[in-house]
Amino acid sequence: MAKKGNRVQVILECTEHKTSGQPGTSRYITTKNKKNNPERMELKKFNAILKKVTVHKEIK
């Protein structure tokens, strides 16, 4: 069997979109190295619905 790697796929979801009251959601899929970054990821990404750069946090 193949050895499992340290890289896992994570989903990033916009934190500002929930408070805006607009329908829909902004999500990105990316990978992270769980050995080097065990805590939850937080990145600034573009939200197409709000048309601006917002903070996206990792969800389960």
PDB file of N, CA and C in Angstrom:
ATOM      1  N   MET A   1       0.832  -1.176   0.000  1.00  0.00           N
ATOM      2  CA  MET A   1       0.000   0.000   0.000  1.00  0.00           C
ATOM      3  C   MET A   1       0.885   1.251   0.000  1.00  0.00           C
ATOM      4  N   ALA A   2       0.371   2.298  -0.580  1.00  0.00           N
ATOM      5  CA  ALA A   2       1.114   3.549  -0.655  1.00  0.00           C
ATOM      6  C   ALA A   2       1.056   4.271   0.688  1.00  0.00           C
ATOM      7  N   LYS A   3       2.133   4.973   0.987  1.00  0.00           N
ATOM      8  CA  LYS A   3       2.200   5.744   2.216  1.00  0.00           C
ATOM      9  C   LYS A   3       1.347   6.999   2.074  1.00  0.00           C
ATOM     10  N   LYS A   4       0.606   7.333   3.112  1.00  0.00           N
ATOM     11  CA  LYS A   4      -0.205   8.540   3.079  1.00  0.00           C
ATOM     12  C   LYS A   4       0.699   9.745   3.297  1.00  0.00           C
ATOM     13  N   GLY A   5       0.476  10.787   2.532  1.00  0.00           N
ATOM     14  CA  GLY A   5       1.292  11.988   2.617  1.00  0.00           C
ATOM     15  C   GLY A   5       0.790  12.948   3.678  1.00  0.00           C
ATOM     16  N   ASN A   6       1.539  14.037   3.841  1.00  0.00           N
ATOM     17  CA  ASN A   6       1.173  15.061   4.807  1.00  0.00           C
ATOM     18  C   ASN A   6       0.233  16.111   4.215  1.00  0.00           C
ATOM     19  N   ARG A   7       0.059  16.093   2.887  1.00  0.00           N
ATOM     20  CA  ARG A   7      -0.787  17.085   2.227  1.00  0.00           C
ATOM     21  C   ARG A   7      -2.250  16.638   2.254  1.00  0.00           C
ATOM     22  N   VAL A   8      -3.119  17.561   2.667  1.00  0.00           N
ATOM     23  CA  VAL A   8      -4.552  17.302   2.702  1.00  0.00           C
ATOM     24  C   VAL A   8      -5.283  18.444   2.002  1.00  0.00           C
ATOM     25  N   GLN A   9      -6.454  18.136   1.439  1.00  0.00           N
ATOM     26  CA  GLN A   9      -7.279  19.170   0.827  1.00  0.00           C
ATOM     27  C   GLN A   9      -8.108  19.852   1.905  1.00  0.00           C
ATOM     28  N   VAL A  10      -8.202  21.174   1.828  1.00  0.00           N
ATOM     29  CA  VAL A  10      -9.010  21.941   2.771  1.00  0.00           C
ATOM     30  C   VAL A  10      -9.931  22.875   1.988  1.00  0.00           C
ATOM     31  N   ILE A  11     -11.032  23.250   2.613  1.00  0.00           N
ATOM     32  CA  ILE A  11     -11.986  24.178   2.014  1.00  0.00           C
ATOM     33  C   ILE A  11     -11.908  25.492   2.778  1.00  0.00           C
ATOM     34  N   LEU A  12     -11.756  26.586   2.036  1.00  0.00           N
ATOM     35  CA  LEU A  12     -11.728  27.919   2.625  1.00  0.00           C
ATOM     36  C   LEU A  12     -13.055  28.603   2.327  1.00  0.00           C
ATOM     37  N   GLU A  13     -13.699  29.164   3.361  1.00  0.00           N
ATOM     38  CA  GLU A  13     -14.997  29.819   3.191  1.00  0.00           C
ATOM     39  C   GLU A  13     -14.913  31.263   3.673  1.00  0.00           C
ATOM     40  N   CYS A  14     -15.584  32.144   2.962  1.00  0.00           N
ATOM     41  CA  CYS A  14     -15.564  33.577   3.282  1.00  0.00           C
ATOM     42  C   CYS A  14     -16.249  33.834   4.627  1.00  0.00           C
ATOM     43  N   THR A  15     -15.634  34.697   5.444  1.00  0.00           N
ATOM     44  CA  THR A  15     -16.210  35.028   6.746  1.00  0.00           C
ATOM     45  C   THR A  15     -17.132  36.247   6.668  1.00  0.00           C
ATOM     46  N   GLU A  16     -16.896  37.152   5.722  1.00  0.00           N
ATOM     47  CA  GLU A  16     -17.704  38.376   5.607  1.00  0.00           C
ATOM     48  C   GLU A  16     -19.012  38.152   4.854  1.00  0.00           C
ATOM     49  N   HIS A  17     -19.098  37.085   4.081  1.00  0.00           N
ATOM     50  CA  HIS A  17     -20.276  36.858   3.242  1.00  0.00           C
ATOM     51  C   HIS A  17     -21.522  36.539   4.072  1.00  0.00           C
ATOM     52  N   LYS A  18     -21.348  35.877   5.198  1.00  0.00           N
ATOM     53  CA  LYS A  18     -22.495  35.504   6.033  1.00  0.00           C
ATOM     54  C   LYS A  18     -23.211  36.737   6.583  1.00  0.00           C
ATOM     55  N   THR A  19     -22.445  37.771   6.929  1.00  0.00           N
ATOM     56  CA  THR A  19     -23.027  38.972   7.521  1.00  0.00           C
ATOM     57  C   THR A  19     -23.581  39.936   6.477  1.00  0.00           C
ATOM     58  N   SER A  20     -23.254  39.728   5.194  1.00  0.00           N
ATOM     59  CA  SER A  20     -23.698  40.655   4.151  1.00  0.00           C
ATOM     60  C   SER A  20     -25.183  40.489   3.820  1.00  0.00           C
ATOM     61  N   GLY A  21     -25.741  39.312   4.064  1.00  0.00           N
ATOM     62  CA  GLY A  21     -27.155  39.074   3.792  1.00  0.00           C
ATOM     63  C   GLY A  21     -27.454  38.678   2.359  1.00  0.00           C
ATOM     64  N   GLN A  22     -26.427  38.534   1.528  1.00  0.00           N
ATOM     65  CA  GLN A  22     -26.635  38.131   0.134  1.00  0.00           C
ATOM     66  C   GLN A  22     -26.656  36.608   0.037  1.00  0.00           C
ATOM     67  N   PRO A  23     -27.430  36.065  -0.921  1.00  0.00           N
ATOM     68  CA  PRO A  23     -27.472  34.615  -1.072  1.00  0.00           C
ATOM     69  C   PRO A  23     -26.179  34.072  -1.665  1.00  0.00           C
ATOM     70  N   GLY A  24     -25.942  32.785  -1.453  1.00  0.00           N
ATOM     71  CA  GLY A  24     -24.751  32.137  -1.997  1.00  0.00           C
ATOM     72  C   GLY A  24     -23.609  32.145  -0.996  1.00  0.00           C
ATOM     73  N   THR A  25     -22.468  31.585  -1.422  1.00  0.00           N
ATOM     74  CA  THR A  25     -21.297  31.545  -0.571  1.00  0.00           C
ATOM     75  C   THR A  25     -20.051  31.498  -1.441  1.00  0.00           C
ATOM     76  N   SER A  26     -18.944  31.975  -0.898  1.00  0.00           N
ATOM     77  CA  SER A  26     -17.673  31.978  -1.613  1.00  0.00           C
ATOM     78  C   SER A  26     -16.760  30.944  -0.968  1.00  0.00           C
ATOM     79  N   ARG A  27     -16.369  29.916  -1.732  1.00  0.00           N
ATOM     80  CA  ARG A  27     -15.502  28.856  -1.215  1.00  0.00           C
ATOM     81  C   ARG A  27     -14.380  28.578  -2.188  1.00  0.00           C
ATOM     82  N   TYR A  28     -13.212  28.251  -1.646  1.00  0.00           N
ATOM     83  CA  TYR A  28     -12.054  27.839  -2.424  1.00  0.00           C
ATOM     84  C   TYR A  28     -11.561  26.509  -1.880  1.00  0.00           C
ATOM     85  N   ILE A  29     -11.022  25.648  -2.760  1.00  0.00           N
ATOM     86  CA  ILE A  29     -10.408  24.391  -2.353  1.00  0.00           C
ATOM     87  C   ILE A  29      -8.919  24.512  -2.597  1.00  0.00           C
ATOM     88  N   THR A  30      -8.116  24.169  -1.596  1.00  0.00           N
ATOM     89  CA  THR A  30      -6.663  24.222  -1.706  1.00  0.00           C
ATOM     90  C   THR A  30      -6.063  23.091  -0.892  1.00  0.00           C
ATOM     91  N   THR A  31      -4.743  22.963  -0.921  1.00  0.00           N
ATOM     92  CA  THR A  31      -4.076  21.937  -0.121  1.00  0.00           C
ATOM     93  C   THR A  31      -3.166  22.600   0.896  1.00  0.00           C
ATOM     94  N   LYS A  32      -2.906  21.884   1.978  1.00  0.00           N
ATOM     95  CA  LYS A  32      -1.954  22.366   2.970  1.00  0.00           C
ATOM     96  C   LYS A  32      -1.193  21.188   3.532  1.00  0.00           C
ATOM     97  N   ASN A  33      -0.012  21.466   4.051  1.00  0.00           N
ATOM     98  CA  ASN A  33       0.816  20.464   4.689  1.00  0.00           C
ATOM     99  C   ASN A  33       0.446  20.446   6.171  1.00  0.00           C
ATOM    100  N   LYS A  34      -0.236  19.380   6.609  1.00  0.00           N
ATOM    101  CA  LYS A  34      -0.730  19.344   7.987  1.00  0.00           C
ATOM    102  C   LYS A  34       0.387  19.203   9.018  1.00  0.00           C
ATOM    103  N   LYS A  35       1.566  18.773   8.591  1.00  0.00           N
ATOM    104  CA  LYS A  35       2.694  18.661   9.510  1.00  0.00           C
ATOM    105  C   LYS A  35       3.297  20.037   9.815  1.00  0.00           C
ATOM    106  N   ASN A  36       3.398  20.888   8.782  1.00  0.00           N
ATOM    107  CA  ASN A  36       3.970  22.228   8.968  1.00  0.00           C
ATOM    108  C   ASN A  36       2.948  23.237   9.467  1.00  0.00           C
ATOM    109  N   ASN A  37       1.671  23.048   9.119  1.00  0.00           N
ATOM    110  CA  ASN A  37       0.599  23.983   9.493  1.00  0.00           C
ATOM    111  C   ASN A  37      -0.554  23.230  10.143  1.00  0.00           C
ATOM    112  N   PRO A  38      -0.416  22.817  11.404  1.00  0.00           N
ATOM    113  CA  PRO A  38      -1.497  22.046  12.035  1.00  0.00           C
ATOM    114  C   PRO A  38      -2.732  22.883  12.366  1.00  0.00           C
ATOM    115  N   GLU A  39      -2.588  24.207  12.539  1.00  0.00           N
ATOM    116  CA  GLU A  39      -3.730  25.048  12.880  1.00  0.00           C
ATOM    117  C   GLU A  39      -4.547  25.362  11.626  1.00  0.00           C
ATOM    118  N   ARG A  40      -5.711  25.948  11.837  1.00  0.00           N
ATOM    119  CA  ARG A  40      -6.592  26.263  10.705  1.00  0.00           C
ATOM    120  C   ARG A  40      -6.025  27.399   9.868  1.00  0.00           C
ATOM    121  N   MET A  41      -6.195  27.250   8.568  1.00  0.00           N
ATOM    122  CA  MET A  41      -5.650  28.193   7.605  1.00  0.00           C
ATOM    123  C   MET A  41      -6.558  29.413   7.456  1.00  0.00           C
ATOM    124  N   GLU A  42      -5.961  30.583   7.180  1.00  0.00           N
ATOM    125  CA  GLU A  42      -6.711  31.814   6.972  1.00  0.00           C
ATOM    126  C   GLU A  42      -5.998  32.616   5.892  1.00  0.00           C
ATOM    127  N   LEU A  43      -6.674  32.838   4.759  1.00  0.00           N
ATOM    128  CA  LEU A  43      -6.077  33.548   3.628  1.00  0.00           C
ATOM    129  C   LEU A  43      -7.014  34.628   3.127  1.00  0.00           C
ATOM    130  N   LYS A  44      -6.441  35.653   2.490  1.00  0.00           N
ATOM    131  CA  LYS A  44      -7.240  36.663   1.806  1.00  0.00           C
ATOM    132  C   LYS A  44      -7.427  36.205   0.368  1.00  0.00           C
ATOM    133  N   LYS A  45      -8.691  36.063  -0.035  1.00  0.00           N
ATOM    134  CA  LYS A  45      -9.030  35.628  -1.393  1.00  0.00           C
ATOM    135  C   LYS A  45     -10.130  36.543  -1.935  1.00  0.00           C
ATOM    136  N   PHE A  46     -10.307  36.518  -3.258  1.00  0.00           N
ATOM    137  CA  PHE A  46     -11.319  37.346  -3.899  1.00  0.00           C
ATOM    138  C   PHE A  46     -12.698  36.702  -3.792  1.00  0.00           C
ATOM    139  N   ASN A  47     -13.660  37.493  -3.357  1.00  0.00           N
ATOM    140  CA  ASN A  47     -15.053  37.059  -3.290  1.00  0.00           C
ATOM    141  C   ASN A  47     -15.776  37.688  -4.476  1.00  0.00           C
ATOM    142  N   ALA A  48     -16.184  36.868  -5.443  1.00  0.00           N
ATOM    143  CA  ALA A  48     -16.805  37.361  -6.673  1.00  0.00           C
ATOM    144  C   ALA A  48     -18.191  37.954  -6.423  1.00  0.00           C
ATOM    145  N   ILE A  49     -18.894  37.492  -5.414  1.00  0.00           N
ATOM    146  CA  ILE A  49     -20.237  37.992  -5.142  1.00  0.00           C
ATOM    147  C   ILE A  49     -20.170  39.389  -4.528  1.00  0.00           C
ATOM    148  N   LEU A  50     -19.256  39.591  -3.580  1.00  0.00           N
ATOM    149  CA  LEU A  50     -19.078  40.907  -2.966  1.00  0.00           C
ATOM    150  C   LEU A  50     -18.165  41.813  -3.786  1.00  0.00           C
ATOM    151  N   LYS A  51     -17.464  41.231  -4.747  1.00  0.00           N
ATOM    152  CA  LYS A  51     -16.538  41.941  -5.636  1.00  0.00           C
ATOM    153  C   LYS A  51     -15.426  42.669  -4.876  1.00  0.00           C
ATOM    154  N   LYS A  52     -14.843  41.963  -3.892  1.00  0.00           N
ATOM    155  CA  LYS A  52     -13.698  42.504  -3.162  1.00  0.00           C
ATOM    156  C   LYS A  52     -12.927  41.364  -2.508  1.00  0.00           C
ATOM    157  N   VAL A  53     -11.743  41.671  -2.023  1.00  0.00           N
ATOM    158  CA  VAL A  53     -10.902  40.687  -1.349  1.00  0.00           C
ATOM    159  C   VAL A  53     -11.346  40.590   0.107  1.00  0.00           C
ATOM    160  N   THR A  54     -11.597  39.357   0.564  1.00  0.00           N
ATOM    161  CA  THR A  54     -12.058  39.136   1.936  1.00  0.00           C
ATOM    162  C   THR A  54     -11.241  38.010   2.570  1.00  0.00           C
ATOM    163  N   VAL A  55     -11.394  37.868   3.872  1.00  0.00           N
ATOM    164  CA  VAL A  55     -10.707  36.804   4.606  1.00  0.00           C
ATOM    165  C   VAL A  55     -11.498  35.513   4.465  1.00  0.00           C
ATOM    166  N   HIS A  56     -10.814  34.444   4.082  1.00  0.00           N
ATOM    167  CA  HIS A  56     -11.412  33.117   3.968  1.00  0.00           C
ATOM    168  C   HIS A  56     -10.741  32.211   5.000  1.00  0.00           C
ATOM    169  N   LYS A  57     -11.561  31.511   5.798  1.00  0.00           N
ATOM    170  CA  LYS A  57     -11.037  30.615   6.829  1.00  0.00           C
ATOM    171  C   LYS A  57     -11.347  29.171   6.482  1.00  0.00           C
ATOM    172  N   GLU A  58     -10.490  28.300   6.967  1.00  0.00           N
ATOM    173  CA  GLU A  58     -10.656  26.861   6.731  1.00  0.00           C
ATOM    174  C   GLU A  58     -11.855  26.346   7.512  1.00  0.00           C
ATOM    175  N   ILE A  59     -12.677  25.530   6.825  1.00  0.00           N
ATOM    176  CA  ILE A  59     -13.797  24.872   7.498  1.00  0.00           C
ATOM    177  C   ILE A  59     -13.531  23.376   7.507  1.00  0.00           C
ATOM    178  N   LYS A  60     -14.294  22.649   8.301  1.00  0.00           N
ATOM    179  CA  LYS A  60     -14.082  21.206   8.426  1.00  0.00           C
ATOM    180  C   LYS A  60     -14.440  20.482   7.169  1.00  0.00           C
TER     181      LYS A  60
END
